[in-house]
Amino acid sequence: FHEPVADLHTLADGAEITNFDAALLGGIVHGTGKYHAAATAKDKPSYTLEAQFDKLIPTAVGQLLGQRFSGGTFDANGKIELTGFTASDLSASAKGALHFDWEHGTVASGLVPSALARFDRWIADAEIANGALTLKENQVKRGAHTTPVQASVTLADPPKVAFTTPKPAPAPIKPAQSKR
């Protein structure tokens, strides 16, 4: 974060960020959050963050993920809930969702689906659970072609990005033709 500004309020059991803004990855982030302290010595603290990311620079986003991204700006929004003290606790407990919209981009790292070599727009929804961010509904558009991509990011330091090849849809069964 660069030049963060936040409105923070203390609560009986933690704190609430009613508004925060900062420069991030060449763009800006705006959001809210809550922290709840552990109720007992056996409990762990919990955190909730909701944010809107505008005009992130793809090269910076790619670098964060250990990938080579380029192209137009990257916009996203999401919500995440975490529990714990350690990075391991936080990544294992992470639950949430992320939506992103990236125009005119390229992914040029290792083995990536050909649809990501150059695209006009990539719109995706992802689920955060089980220590990973996994793409769900998504569309990579290039010209008139639309292709879904399967990928996940393991929440670790460093994060690990894995692309998988979608299974082809089964061929439709043709009705038997009768002989006359």
C-alpha atoms as a PDB file:
ATOM      1  CA  PHE A   1       0.000   0.000   0.000  1.00  0.00           C
ATOM      2  CA  HIS A   2       1.163   3.516  -0.784  1.00  0.00           C
ATOM      3  CA  GLU A   3      -0.267   6.540   1.017  1.00  0.00           C
ATOM      4  CA  PRO A   4      -3.032   4.606   2.837  1.00  0.00           C
ATOM      5  CA  VAL A   5      -5.869   6.537   4.454  1.00  0.00           C
ATOM      6  CA  ALA A   6      -8.411   4.811   6.700  1.00  0.00           C
ATOM      7  CA  ASP A   7     -11.282   5.550   9.059  1.00  0.00           C
ATOM      8  CA  LEU A   8     -10.816   3.161  11.985  1.00  0.00           C
ATOM      9  CA  HIS A   9     -13.201   2.651  14.901  1.00  0.00           C
ATOM     10  CA  THR A  10     -12.516   0.526  17.931  1.00  0.00           C
ATOM     11  CA  LEU A  11     -15.172  -1.962  19.013  1.00  0.00           C
ATOM     12  CA  ALA A  12     -15.605  -3.853  22.268  1.00  0.00           C
ATOM     13  CA  ASP A  13     -14.265  -7.004  20.604  1.00  0.00           C
ATOM     14  CA  GLY A  14     -11.976  -5.562  17.920  1.00  0.00           C
ATOM     15  CA  ALA A  15     -11.965  -2.827  15.313  1.00  0.00           C
ATOM     16  CA  GLU A  16     -13.782  -1.747  12.180  1.00  0.00           C
ATOM     17  CA  ILE A  17     -12.386   0.026   9.136  1.00  0.00           C
ATOM     18  CA  THR A  18     -15.350   1.898   7.693  1.00  0.00           C
ATOM     19  CA  ASN A  19     -13.313   3.220   4.780  1.00  0.00           C
ATOM     20  CA  PHE A  20      -9.798   2.784   3.438  1.00  0.00           C
ATOM     21  CA  ASP A  21      -8.094   4.017   0.291  1.00  0.00           C
ATOM     22  CA  ALA A  22      -4.560   3.432  -0.937  1.00  0.00           C
ATOM     23  CA  ALA A  23      -2.443   3.155  -4.041  1.00  0.00           C
ATOM     24  CA  LEU A  24      -1.792  -0.515  -4.839  1.00  0.00           C
ATOM     25  CA  LEU A  25      -0.063  -2.289  -7.746  1.00  0.00           C
ATOM     26  CA  GLY A  26      -0.120   0.875  -9.846  1.00  0.00           C
ATOM     27  CA  GLY A  27      -3.861   1.435  -9.257  1.00  0.00           C
ATOM     28  CA  ILE A  28      -6.074   2.151  -6.273  1.00  0.00           C
ATOM     29  CA  VAL A  29      -7.908   0.089  -3.676  1.00  0.00           C
ATOM     30  CA  HIS A  30     -10.987   1.184  -1.728  1.00  0.00           C
ATOM     31  CA  GLY A  31     -12.617  -0.932   0.930  1.00  0.00           C
ATOM     32  CA  THR A  32     -13.851  -1.794   4.396  1.00  0.00           C
ATOM     33  CA  GLY A  33     -12.867  -4.337   7.002  1.00  0.00           C
ATOM     34  CA  LYS A  34     -13.408  -5.767  10.479  1.00  0.00           C
ATOM     35  CA  TYR A  35     -11.192  -7.380  13.059  1.00  0.00           C
ATOM     36  CA  HIS A  36     -12.625  -9.494  15.879  1.00  0.00           C
ATOM     37  CA  ALA A  37     -10.283 -10.403  18.718  1.00  0.00           C
ATOM     38  CA  ALA A  38     -10.120 -13.971  19.973  1.00  0.00           C
ATOM     39  CA  ALA A  39     -12.844 -14.408  22.635  1.00  0.00           C
ATOM     40  CA  THR A  40     -10.795 -16.907  24.653  1.00  0.00           C
ATOM     41  CA  ALA A  41      -7.209 -18.128  24.719  1.00  0.00           C
ATOM     42  CA  LYS A  42      -8.303 -21.137  22.615  1.00  0.00           C
ATOM     43  CA  ASP A  43      -9.881 -18.960  19.912  1.00  0.00           C
ATOM     44  CA  LYS A  44      -8.192 -17.136  17.056  1.00  0.00           C
ATOM     45  CA  PRO A  45      -8.811 -13.606  15.793  1.00  0.00           C
ATOM     46  CA  SER A  46     -10.910 -13.168  12.651  1.00  0.00           C
ATOM     47  CA  TYR A  47     -10.792 -10.644   9.838  1.00  0.00           C
ATOM     48  CA  THR A  48     -13.178  -9.613   7.081  1.00  0.00           C
ATOM     49  CA  LEU A  49     -12.110  -7.429   4.159  1.00  0.00           C
ATOM     50  CA  GLU A  50     -14.170  -6.180   1.229  1.00  0.00           C
ATOM     51  CA  ALA A  51     -12.469  -4.167  -1.501  1.00  0.00           C
ATOM     52  CA  GLN A  52     -12.715  -2.640  -4.971  1.00  0.00           C
ATOM     53  CA  PHE A  53      -9.485  -2.533  -7.020  1.00  0.00           C
ATOM     54  CA  ASP A  54      -9.351  -0.066  -9.900  1.00  0.00           C
ATOM     55  CA  LYS A  55      -6.841   0.302 -12.731  1.00  0.00           C
ATOM     56  CA  LEU A  56      -4.226  -2.117 -11.402  1.00  0.00           C
ATOM     57  CA  ILE A  57      -1.249  -2.504 -13.709  1.00  0.00           C
ATOM     58  CA  PRO A  58      -1.094  -6.093 -15.046  1.00  0.00           C
ATOM     59  CA  THR A  59       2.708  -6.302 -14.828  1.00  0.00           C
ATOM     60  CA  ALA A  60       2.473  -5.587 -11.068  1.00  0.00           C
ATOM     61  CA  VAL A  61      -0.377  -8.099 -10.575  1.00  0.00           C
ATOM     62  CA  GLY A  62       1.572 -10.706 -12.535  1.00  0.00           C
ATOM     63  CA  GLN A  63       4.731 -10.071 -10.531  1.00  0.00           C
ATOM     64  CA  LEU A  64       2.760 -10.645  -7.300  1.00  0.00           C
ATOM     65  CA  LEU A  65       1.715 -14.045  -8.697  1.00  0.00           C
ATOM     66  CA  GLY A  66       5.118 -14.945 -10.167  1.00  0.00           C
ATOM     67  CA  GLN A  67       3.719 -14.529 -13.702  1.00  0.00           C
ATOM     68  CA  ARG A  68       4.407 -12.260 -16.698  1.00  0.00           C
ATOM     69  CA  PHE A  69       1.257 -10.258 -17.408  1.00  0.00           C
ATOM     70  CA  SER A  70       0.935  -7.261 -19.704  1.00  0.00           C
ATOM     71  CA  GLY A  71      -1.813  -5.244 -21.304  1.00  0.00           C
ATOM     72  CA  GLY A  72      -4.645  -2.946 -20.296  1.00  0.00           C
ATOM     73  CA  THR A  73      -5.742  -2.185 -16.767  1.00  0.00           C
ATOM     74  CA  PHE A  74      -7.069  -4.786 -14.375  1.00  0.00           C
ATOM     75  CA  ASP A  75     -10.170  -4.102 -12.235  1.00  0.00           C
ATOM     76  CA  ALA A  76     -11.457  -6.380  -9.467  1.00  0.00           C
ATOM     77  CA  ASN A  77     -13.658  -6.564  -6.403  1.00  0.00           C
ATOM     78  CA  GLY A  78     -13.945  -9.131  -3.697  1.00  0.00           C
ATOM     79  CA  LYS A  79     -14.575 -10.175  -0.140  1.00  0.00           C
ATOM     80  CA  ILE A  80     -12.476 -12.430   2.079  1.00  0.00           C
ATOM     81  CA  GLU A  81     -12.844 -13.820   5.590  1.00  0.00           C
ATOM     82  CA  LEU A  82      -9.782 -15.112   7.464  1.00  0.00           C
ATOM     83  CA  THR A  83      -9.051 -16.525  10.913  1.00  0.00           C
ATOM     84  CA  GLY A  84      -5.789 -17.007  12.746  1.00  0.00           C
ATOM     85  CA  PHE A  85      -2.444 -15.691  13.899  1.00  0.00           C
ATOM     86  CA  THR A  86      -0.015 -17.084  11.302  1.00  0.00           C
ATOM     87  CA  ALA A  87       0.217 -16.939   7.523  1.00  0.00           C
ATOM     88  CA  SER A  88      -0.548 -20.660   7.497  1.00  0.00           C
ATOM     89  CA  ASP A  89      -3.695 -20.115   9.638  1.00  0.00           C
ATOM     90  CA  LEU A  90      -4.844 -17.275   7.424  1.00  0.00           C
ATOM     91  CA  SER A  91      -4.374 -19.066   4.090  1.00  0.00           C
ATOM     92  CA  ALA A  92      -6.001 -22.287   5.347  1.00  0.00           C
ATOM     93  CA  SER A  93      -9.044 -20.435   6.735  1.00  0.00           C
ATOM     94  CA  ALA A  94      -9.536 -17.995   3.826  1.00  0.00           C
ATOM     95  CA  LYS A  95     -13.061 -17.973   2.368  1.00  0.00           C
ATOM     96  CA  GLY A  96     -14.515 -15.545  -0.095  1.00  0.00           C
ATOM     97  CA  ALA A  97     -15.012 -14.494  -3.670  1.00  0.00           C
ATOM     98  CA  LEU A  98     -13.240 -12.381  -6.273  1.00  0.00           C
ATOM     99  CA  HIS A  99     -14.461 -10.944  -9.564  1.00  0.00           C
ATOM    100  CA  PHE A 100     -12.075  -9.414 -12.104  1.00  0.00           C
ATOM    101  CA  ASP A 101     -12.255  -7.755 -15.502  1.00  0.00           C
ATOM    102  CA  TRP A 102      -9.064  -7.379 -17.534  1.00  0.00           C
ATOM    103  CA  GLU A 103      -8.996  -5.829 -20.990  1.00  0.00           C
ATOM    104  CA  HIS A 104      -6.418  -6.299 -23.763  1.00  0.00           C
ATOM    105  CA  GLY A 105      -4.016  -8.564 -21.921  1.00  0.00           C
ATOM    106  CA  THR A 106      -1.422 -11.268 -22.304  1.00  0.00           C
ATOM    107  CA  VAL A 107      -0.062 -13.966 -20.010  1.00  0.00           C
ATOM    108  CA  ALA A 108       3.402 -15.108 -21.085  1.00  0.00           C
ATOM    109  CA  SER A 109       4.571 -17.402 -18.292  1.00  0.00           C
ATOM    110  CA  GLY A 110       5.326 -21.078 -18.703  1.00  0.00           C
ATOM    111  CA  LEU A 111       2.504 -23.358 -19.791  1.00  0.00           C
ATOM    112  CA  VAL A 112      -0.617 -21.240 -20.093  1.00  0.00           C
ATOM    113  CA  PRO A 113      -3.754 -21.849 -22.161  1.00  0.00           C
ATOM    114  CA  SER A 114      -3.460 -20.442 -25.687  1.00  0.00           C
ATOM    115  CA  ALA A 115      -6.528 -18.245 -25.016  1.00  0.00           C
ATOM    116  CA  LEU A 116      -4.359 -16.173 -22.640  1.00  0.00           C
ATOM    117  CA  ALA A 117      -1.561 -15.536 -25.163  1.00  0.00           C
ATOM    118  CA  ARG A 118      -3.474 -12.438 -26.270  1.00  0.00           C
ATOM    119  CA  PHE A 119      -7.067 -11.540 -25.464  1.00  0.00           C
ATOM    120  CA  ASP A 120      -9.493  -8.652 -25.784  1.00  0.00           C
ATOM    121  CA  ARG A 121     -11.163  -9.198 -22.412  1.00  0.00           C
ATOM    122  CA  TRP A 122     -11.061 -11.702 -19.556  1.00  0.00           C
ATOM    123  CA  ILE A 123     -13.932 -11.607 -17.098  1.00  0.00           C
ATOM    124  CA  ALA A 124     -13.893 -14.082 -14.215  1.00  0.00           C
ATOM    125  CA  ASP A 125     -15.427 -15.028 -10.912  1.00  0.00           C
ATOM    126  CA  ALA A 126     -13.289 -16.968  -8.467  1.00  0.00           C
ATOM    127  CA  GLU A 127     -13.888 -18.748  -5.188  1.00  0.00           C
ATOM    128  CA  ILE A 128     -11.488 -18.489  -2.276  1.00  0.00           C
ATOM    129  CA  ALA A 129     -11.489 -21.653  -0.132  1.00  0.00           C
ATOM    130  CA  ASN A 130      -9.281 -24.561   0.953  1.00  0.00           C
ATOM    131  CA  GLY A 131      -6.081 -22.526   0.746  1.00  0.00           C
ATOM    132  CA  ALA A 132      -6.612 -21.509  -2.884  1.00  0.00           C
ATOM    133  CA  LEU A 133      -8.322 -19.109  -5.241  1.00  0.00           C
ATOM    134  CA  THR A 134     -10.051 -21.134  -7.990  1.00  0.00           C
ATOM    135  CA  LEU A 135     -11.562 -19.725 -11.171  1.00  0.00           C
ATOM    136  CA  LYS A 136     -15.229 -20.545 -11.597  1.00  0.00           C
ATOM    137  CA  GLU A 137     -17.387 -18.859 -14.247  1.00  0.00           C
ATOM    138  CA  ASN A 138     -15.075 -17.009 -16.650  1.00  0.00           C
ATOM    139  CA  GLN A 139     -14.773 -15.950 -20.268  1.00  0.00           C
ATOM    140  CA  VAL A 140     -11.668 -15.097 -22.238  1.00  0.00           C
ATOM    141  CA  LYS A 141     -12.728 -13.187 -25.353  1.00  0.00           C
ATOM    142  CA  ARG A 142     -10.683 -12.627 -28.478  1.00  0.00           C
ATOM    143  CA  GLY A 143     -12.636 -11.306 -31.412  1.00  0.00           C
ATOM    144  CA  ALA A 144     -15.753 -13.452 -31.791  1.00  0.00           C
ATOM    145  CA  HIS A 145     -14.255 -16.381 -29.851  1.00  0.00           C
ATOM    146  CA  THR A 146     -15.001 -16.987 -26.166  1.00  0.00           C
ATOM    147  CA  THR A 147     -13.063 -19.584 -24.187  1.00  0.00           C
ATOM    148  CA  PRO A 148     -13.210 -20.510 -20.493  1.00  0.00           C
ATOM    149  CA  VAL A 149      -9.954 -21.084 -18.601  1.00  0.00           C
ATOM    150  CA  GLN A 150      -9.378 -23.348 -15.632  1.00  0.00           C
ATOM    151  CA  ALA A 151      -6.835 -22.115 -13.087  1.00  0.00           C
ATOM    152  CA  SER A 152      -6.108 -21.905  -9.398  1.00  0.00           C
ATOM    153  CA  VAL A 153      -3.728 -19.955  -7.197  1.00  0.00           C
ATOM    154  CA  THR A 154      -2.446 -21.636  -4.047  1.00  0.00           C
ATOM    155  CA  LEU A 155      -2.375 -19.110  -1.218  1.00  0.00           C
ATOM    156  CA  ALA A 156       1.251 -19.451  -0.161  1.00  0.00           C
ATOM    157  CA  ASP A 157       4.451 -17.450  -0.127  1.00  0.00           C
ATOM    158  CA  PRO A 158       5.161 -17.435  -2.996  1.00  0.00           C
ATOM    159  CA  PRO A 159       1.728 -18.137  -4.507  1.00  0.00           C
ATOM    160  CA  LYS A 160       1.548 -20.971  -7.018  1.00  0.00           C
ATOM    161  CA  VAL A 161      -0.510 -20.532 -10.184  1.00  0.00           C
ATOM    162  CA  ALA A 162      -1.730 -23.686 -11.947  1.00  0.00           C
ATOM    163  CA  PHE A 163      -3.580 -23.775 -15.259  1.00  0.00           C
ATOM    164  CA  THR A 164      -5.438 -26.930 -16.248  1.00  0.00           C
ATOM    165  CA  THR A 165      -6.901 -27.951 -19.562  1.00  0.00           C
ATOM    166  CA  PRO A 166     -10.712 -27.976 -19.585  1.00  0.00           C
ATOM    167  CA  LYS A 167     -12.258 -31.325 -20.356  1.00  0.00           C
ATOM    168  CA  PRO A 168     -13.920 -31.261 -23.776  1.00  0.00           C
ATOM    169  CA  ALA A 169     -17.689 -31.472 -23.789  1.00  0.00           C
ATOM    170  CA  PRO A 170     -18.958 -34.892 -24.848  1.00  0.00           C
ATOM    171  CA  ALA A 171     -20.007 -35.111 -28.477  1.00  0.00           C
ATOM    172  CA  PRO A 172     -23.767 -35.037 -28.908  1.00  0.00           C
ATOM    173  CA  ILE A 173     -25.341 -38.392 -29.600  1.00  0.00           C
ATOM    174  CA  LYS A 174     -26.810 -38.494 -33.075  1.00  0.00           C
ATOM    175  CA  PRO A 175     -30.184 -40.133 -33.411  1.00  0.00           C
ATOM    176  CA  ALA A 176     -30.157 -43.369 -35.387  1.00  0.00           C
ATOM    177  CA  GLN A 177     -31.377 -42.960 -38.922  1.00  0.00           C
ATOM    178  CA  SER A 178     -34.026 -45.372 -40.106  1.00  0.00           C
ATOM    179  CA  LYS A 179     -33.638 -47.202 -43.400  1.00  0.00           C
ATOM    180  CA  ARG A 180     -36.473 -47.034 -45.876  1.00  0.00           C
END
